[in-house]
Amino acid sequence: MSRKNFKKPTRRLFVFLHATFSSLWIGGALSMLILIFLKHPTNEYQLLAYNTAIKLIDDFVIIGSANGVLLTGIILSWKTPWGFFKYWWVAIKLVLTIAMAVFGTVALGPWTNESVTMVQEMGMEAINSNKYQHIQLMQMIFGPLQFSMMLFLLYLTVYKPFKKI
């Protein structure tokens, strides 16, 4: 592909894809938060079901949509007049999206996977484990933080509040 910018129909397609992936990422994150904060299992099967549901949302919605947001955002920056570092709102979105994807890959995702493994191995005793409790606390702190950052990125996308760099 050359550096020439997209024509309007192609740009609109990529904006549509970017918005779709963003919506999926936000919706998946909200779904995970609801499960994290509202789970009150009474037996090991319920505990496993909660943790497995969170993992499935992560594996099949969060990972794909986060990668889709990052890829379409990079393509839009490259092939539109917005560029990567012409506008503060684009640069901030790029940096935060990369940071969120990395943090999700190195922390949130592994915590989610570890929770499922612990429940599979320990059953309800996992709830009393310091490690499991720590993981749940980290998810309760960083999940909402990640979600808030997603909403901030959405705000930047809609309002484009900052001037040119």
C-alpha atoms as a PDB file:
ATOM      1  CA  MET A   1       0.000   0.000   0.000  1.00  0.00           C
ATOM      2  CA  SER A   2       1.249   3.424  -0.803  1.00  0.00           C
ATOM      3  CA  ARG A   3       1.182   6.378   1.579  1.00  0.00           C
ATOM      4  CA  LYS A   4      -1.695   7.889  -0.394  1.00  0.00           C
ATOM      5  CA  ASN A   5      -4.690   8.442   1.883  1.00  0.00           C
ATOM      6  CA  PHE A   6      -7.830   6.331   1.694  1.00  0.00           C
ATOM      7  CA  LYS A   7     -10.715   7.535  -0.398  1.00  0.00           C
ATOM      8  CA  LYS A   8     -13.873   8.357   1.566  1.00  0.00           C
ATOM      9  CA  PRO A   9     -15.647   4.947   1.224  1.00  0.00           C
ATOM     10  CA  THR A  10     -12.568   3.053   2.376  1.00  0.00           C
ATOM     11  CA  ARG A  11     -11.960   5.469   5.245  1.00  0.00           C
ATOM     12  CA  ARG A  12     -15.587   5.072   6.339  1.00  0.00           C
ATOM     13  CA  LEU A  13     -15.240   1.279   6.248  1.00  0.00           C
ATOM     14  CA  PHE A  14     -12.191   1.421   8.523  1.00  0.00           C
ATOM     15  CA  VAL A  15     -13.874   3.917  10.864  1.00  0.00           C
ATOM     16  CA  PHE A  16     -16.865   1.548  11.012  1.00  0.00           C
ATOM     17  CA  LEU A  17     -14.594  -1.413  11.784  1.00  0.00           C
ATOM     18  CA  HIS A  18     -12.715   0.633  14.387  1.00  0.00           C
ATOM     19  CA  ALA A  19     -15.987   1.655  16.068  1.00  0.00           C
ATOM     20  CA  THR A  20     -17.271  -1.931  15.951  1.00  0.00           C
ATOM     21  CA  PHE A  21     -14.126  -3.337  17.567  1.00  0.00           C
ATOM     22  CA  SER A  22     -14.210  -0.526  20.154  1.00  0.00           C
ATOM     23  CA  SER A  23     -17.821  -1.326  21.002  1.00  0.00           C
ATOM     24  CA  LEU A  24     -17.018  -5.012  21.367  1.00  0.00           C
ATOM     25  CA  TRP A  25     -14.029  -4.257  23.602  1.00  0.00           C
ATOM     26  CA  ILE A  26     -16.071  -1.939  25.835  1.00  0.00           C
ATOM     27  CA  GLY A  27     -19.012  -4.360  25.964  1.00  0.00           C
ATOM     28  CA  GLY A  28     -16.761  -7.307  26.760  1.00  0.00           C
ATOM     29  CA  ALA A  29     -15.011  -5.358  29.494  1.00  0.00           C
ATOM     30  CA  LEU A  30     -18.323  -4.289  31.014  1.00  0.00           C
ATOM     31  CA  SER A  31     -19.570  -7.884  30.920  1.00  0.00           C
ATOM     32  CA  MET A  32     -16.434  -9.059  32.708  1.00  0.00           C
ATOM     33  CA  LEU A  33     -16.798  -6.345  35.349  1.00  0.00           C
ATOM     34  CA  ILE A  34     -20.397  -7.333  36.017  1.00  0.00           C
ATOM     35  CA  LEU A  35     -19.334 -10.940  36.564  1.00  0.00           C
ATOM     36  CA  ILE A  36     -16.317  -9.964  38.689  1.00  0.00           C
ATOM     37  CA  PHE A  37     -18.306  -7.704  41.004  1.00  0.00           C
ATOM     38  CA  LEU A  38     -21.574  -9.627  41.203  1.00  0.00           C
ATOM     39  CA  LYS A  39     -20.356 -13.194  41.623  1.00  0.00           C
ATOM     40  CA  HIS A  40     -21.424 -14.821  44.865  1.00  0.00           C
ATOM     41  CA  PRO A  41     -21.003 -18.543  44.273  1.00  0.00           C
ATOM     42  CA  THR A  42     -22.361 -21.047  46.749  1.00  0.00           C
ATOM     43  CA  ASN A  43     -20.476 -24.043  45.376  1.00  0.00           C
ATOM     44  CA  GLU A  44     -17.419 -24.913  43.311  1.00  0.00           C
ATOM     45  CA  TYR A  45     -19.449 -25.392  40.123  1.00  0.00           C
ATOM     46  CA  GLN A  46     -20.798 -21.848  40.303  1.00  0.00           C
ATOM     47  CA  LEU A  47     -17.332 -20.502  41.101  1.00  0.00           C
ATOM     48  CA  LEU A  48     -15.887 -22.350  38.133  1.00  0.00           C
ATOM     49  CA  ALA A  49     -18.739 -21.141  35.919  1.00  0.00           C
ATOM     50  CA  TYR A  50     -18.122 -17.493  36.871  1.00  0.00           C
ATOM     51  CA  ASN A  51     -14.381 -17.718  36.300  1.00  0.00           C
ATOM     52  CA  THR A  52     -14.801 -19.675  33.071  1.00  0.00           C
ATOM     53  CA  ALA A  53     -17.340 -17.152  31.744  1.00  0.00           C
ATOM     54  CA  ILE A  54     -14.893 -14.325  32.441  1.00  0.00           C
ATOM     55  CA  LYS A  55     -12.123 -16.269  30.684  1.00  0.00           C
ATOM     56  CA  LEU A  56     -14.333 -16.978  27.658  1.00  0.00           C
ATOM     57  CA  ILE A  57     -15.221 -13.297  27.318  1.00  0.00           C
ATOM     58  CA  ASP A  58     -11.524 -12.464  27.556  1.00  0.00           C
ATOM     59  CA  ASP A  59     -10.460 -15.120  25.060  1.00  0.00           C
ATOM     60  CA  PHE A  60     -13.194 -14.590  22.476  1.00  0.00           C
ATOM     61  CA  VAL A  61     -14.224 -10.943  22.779  1.00  0.00           C
ATOM     62  CA  ILE A  62     -11.560  -8.880  24.543  1.00  0.00           C
ATOM     63  CA  ILE A  63      -8.446 -10.208  22.820  1.00  0.00           C
ATOM     64  CA  GLY A  64      -9.871 -10.054  19.294  1.00  0.00           C
ATOM     65  CA  SER A  65     -11.540  -6.689  19.706  1.00  0.00           C
ATOM     66  CA  ALA A  66      -8.497  -5.089  21.372  1.00  0.00           C
ATOM     67  CA  ASN A  67      -6.317  -6.283  18.512  1.00  0.00           C
ATOM     68  CA  GLY A  68      -8.938  -5.062  16.029  1.00  0.00           C
ATOM     69  CA  VAL A  69      -8.997  -1.619  17.650  1.00  0.00           C
ATOM     70  CA  LEU A  70      -5.220  -1.403  17.574  1.00  0.00           C
ATOM     71  CA  LEU A  71      -4.914  -2.606  13.969  1.00  0.00           C
ATOM     72  CA  THR A  72      -7.696  -0.415  12.558  1.00  0.00           C
ATOM     73  CA  GLY A  73      -6.431   2.567  14.565  1.00  0.00           C
ATOM     74  CA  ILE A  74      -2.939   2.155  13.136  1.00  0.00           C
ATOM     75  CA  ILE A  75      -4.298   1.795   9.602  1.00  0.00           C
ATOM     76  CA  LEU A  76      -6.529   4.877  10.029  1.00  0.00           C
ATOM     77  CA  SER A  77      -3.614   6.903  11.363  1.00  0.00           C
ATOM     78  CA  TRP A  78      -1.407   5.781   8.505  1.00  0.00           C
ATOM     79  CA  LYS A  79      -3.910   6.223   5.671  1.00  0.00           C
ATOM     80  CA  THR A  80      -5.801   9.376   6.707  1.00  0.00           C
ATOM     81  CA  PRO A  81      -4.768  12.993   7.225  1.00  0.00           C
ATOM     82  CA  TRP A  82      -4.999  12.453  11.029  1.00  0.00           C
ATOM     83  CA  GLY A  83      -1.586  10.777  11.041  1.00  0.00           C
ATOM     84  CA  PHE A  84       0.033   9.261  14.131  1.00  0.00           C
ATOM     85  CA  PHE A  85       1.360  12.380  15.805  1.00  0.00           C
ATOM     86  CA  LYS A  86      -0.364  15.346  14.144  1.00  0.00           C
ATOM     87  CA  TYR A  87      -3.134  15.576  16.750  1.00  0.00           C
ATOM     88  CA  TRP A  88      -2.929  15.089  20.491  1.00  0.00           C
ATOM     89  CA  TRP A  89      -6.125  13.033  20.578  1.00  0.00           C
ATOM     90  CA  VAL A  90      -4.745  10.497  18.077  1.00  0.00           C
ATOM     91  CA  ALA A  91      -1.362  10.233  19.796  1.00  0.00           C
ATOM     92  CA  ILE A  92      -2.969   9.776  23.216  1.00  0.00           C
ATOM     93  CA  LYS A  93      -5.307   7.107  21.824  1.00  0.00           C
ATOM     94  CA  LEU A  94      -2.392   5.255  20.236  1.00  0.00           C
ATOM     95  CA  VAL A  95      -0.273   5.279  23.396  1.00  0.00           C
ATOM     96  CA  LEU A  96      -3.153   4.324  25.716  1.00  0.00           C
ATOM     97  CA  THR A  97      -4.428   1.584  23.419  1.00  0.00           C
ATOM     98  CA  ILE A  98      -0.980   0.009  23.229  1.00  0.00           C
ATOM     99  CA  ALA A  99      -0.555   0.333  27.018  1.00  0.00           C
ATOM    100  CA  MET A 100      -3.959  -1.254  27.647  1.00  0.00           C
ATOM    101  CA  ALA A 101      -3.279  -4.111  25.222  1.00  0.00           C
ATOM    102  CA  VAL A 102       0.106  -4.801  26.824  1.00  0.00           C
ATOM    103  CA  PHE A 103      -1.304  -4.640  30.368  1.00  0.00           C
ATOM    104  CA  GLY A 104      -4.153  -6.935  29.370  1.00  0.00           C
ATOM    105  CA  THR A 105      -1.655  -9.383  27.881  1.00  0.00           C
ATOM    106  CA  VAL A 106       0.835  -9.415  30.753  1.00  0.00           C
ATOM    107  CA  ALA A 107      -1.491  -8.972  33.747  1.00  0.00           C
ATOM    108  CA  LEU A 108      -5.276  -9.084  33.281  1.00  0.00           C
ATOM    109  CA  GLY A 109      -5.329 -12.089  30.946  1.00  0.00           C
ATOM    110  CA  PRO A 110      -2.940 -14.200  33.032  1.00  0.00           C
ATOM    111  CA  TRP A 111      -4.883 -13.343  36.220  1.00  0.00           C
ATOM    112  CA  THR A 112      -8.077 -14.495  34.517  1.00  0.00           C
ATOM    113  CA  ASN A 113      -6.465 -17.747  33.382  1.00  0.00           C
ATOM    114  CA  GLU A 114      -4.916 -18.354  36.809  1.00  0.00           C
ATOM    115  CA  SER A 115      -8.315 -17.930  38.497  1.00  0.00           C
ATOM    116  CA  VAL A 116      -9.822 -20.682  36.365  1.00  0.00           C
ATOM    117  CA  THR A 117      -6.861 -22.996  36.982  1.00  0.00           C
ATOM    118  CA  MET A 118      -6.986 -22.419  40.729  1.00  0.00           C
ATOM    119  CA  VAL A 119     -10.710 -23.204  40.907  1.00  0.00           C
ATOM    120  CA  GLN A 120     -10.247 -26.312  38.743  1.00  0.00           C
ATOM    121  CA  GLU A 121      -7.509 -27.552  41.072  1.00  0.00           C
ATOM    122  CA  MET A 122      -8.822 -26.369  44.460  1.00  0.00           C
ATOM    123  CA  GLY A 123     -12.590 -26.060  44.073  1.00  0.00           C
ATOM    124  CA  MET A 124     -14.224 -23.735  46.620  1.00  0.00           C
ATOM    125  CA  GLU A 125     -11.005 -23.710  48.651  1.00  0.00           C
ATOM    126  CA  ALA A 126      -9.621 -21.328  46.016  1.00  0.00           C
ATOM    127  CA  ILE A 127     -11.748 -18.556  47.550  1.00  0.00           C
ATOM    128  CA  ASN A 128      -9.758 -18.850  50.799  1.00  0.00           C
ATOM    129  CA  SER A 129      -6.401 -18.795  49.012  1.00  0.00           C
ATOM    130  CA  ASN A 130      -4.383 -15.596  49.441  1.00  0.00           C
ATOM    131  CA  LYS A 131      -3.281 -15.843  45.817  1.00  0.00           C
ATOM    132  CA  TYR A 132      -6.860 -16.139  44.507  1.00  0.00           C
ATOM    133  CA  GLN A 133      -8.011 -13.272  46.734  1.00  0.00           C
ATOM    134  CA  HIS A 134      -5.100 -11.143  45.487  1.00  0.00           C
ATOM    135  CA  ILE A 135      -5.989 -11.897  41.857  1.00  0.00           C
ATOM    136  CA  GLN A 136      -9.632 -10.986  42.495  1.00  0.00           C
ATOM    137  CA  LEU A 137      -8.578  -7.727  44.164  1.00  0.00           C
ATOM    138  CA  MET A 138      -6.302  -6.847  41.230  1.00  0.00           C
ATOM    139  CA  GLN A 139      -9.169  -7.530  38.814  1.00  0.00           C
ATOM    140  CA  MET A 140     -11.466  -5.345  40.922  1.00  0.00           C
ATOM    141  CA  ILE A 141      -8.934  -2.497  40.841  1.00  0.00           C
ATOM    142  CA  PHE A 142      -7.517  -2.699  37.344  1.00  0.00           C
ATOM    143  CA  GLY A 143     -10.660  -3.901  35.526  1.00  0.00           C
ATOM    144  CA  PRO A 144     -12.564  -0.677  36.266  1.00  0.00           C
ATOM    145  CA  LEU A 145      -9.430   1.370  35.558  1.00  0.00           C
ATOM    146  CA  GLN A 146      -9.050  -0.297  32.158  1.00  0.00           C
ATOM    147  CA  PHE A 147     -12.772   0.217  31.482  1.00  0.00           C
ATOM    148  CA  SER A 148     -12.514   3.911  32.440  1.00  0.00           C
ATOM    149  CA  MET A 149      -9.617   4.308  30.039  1.00  0.00           C
ATOM    150  CA  MET A 150     -11.750   2.776  27.281  1.00  0.00           C
ATOM    151  CA  LEU A 151     -14.462   5.338  27.957  1.00  0.00           C
ATOM    152  CA  PHE A 152     -11.833   8.093  27.872  1.00  0.00           C
ATOM    153  CA  LEU A 153     -10.648   6.812  24.474  1.00  0.00           C
ATOM    154  CA  LEU A 154     -14.244   6.875  23.274  1.00  0.00           C
ATOM    155  CA  TYR A 155     -14.523  10.474  24.504  1.00  0.00           C
ATOM    156  CA  LEU A 156     -11.354  11.386  22.576  1.00  0.00           C
ATOM    157  CA  THR A 157     -12.734   9.738  19.449  1.00  0.00           C
ATOM    158  CA  VAL A 158     -16.029  11.591  19.560  1.00  0.00           C
ATOM    159  CA  TYR A 159     -14.956  15.035  20.807  1.00  0.00           C
ATOM    160  CA  LYS A 160     -11.336  15.273  19.527  1.00  0.00           C
ATOM    161  CA  PRO A 161     -10.670  17.805  22.313  1.00  0.00           C
ATOM    162  CA  PHE A 162      -7.007  18.595  21.769  1.00  0.00           C
ATOM    163  CA  LYS A 163      -5.470  20.737  19.065  1.00  0.00           C
ATOM    164  CA  LYS A 164      -2.678  19.816  16.694  1.00  0.00           C
ATOM    165  CA  ILE A 165       0.664  18.876  18.162  1.00  0.00           C
END
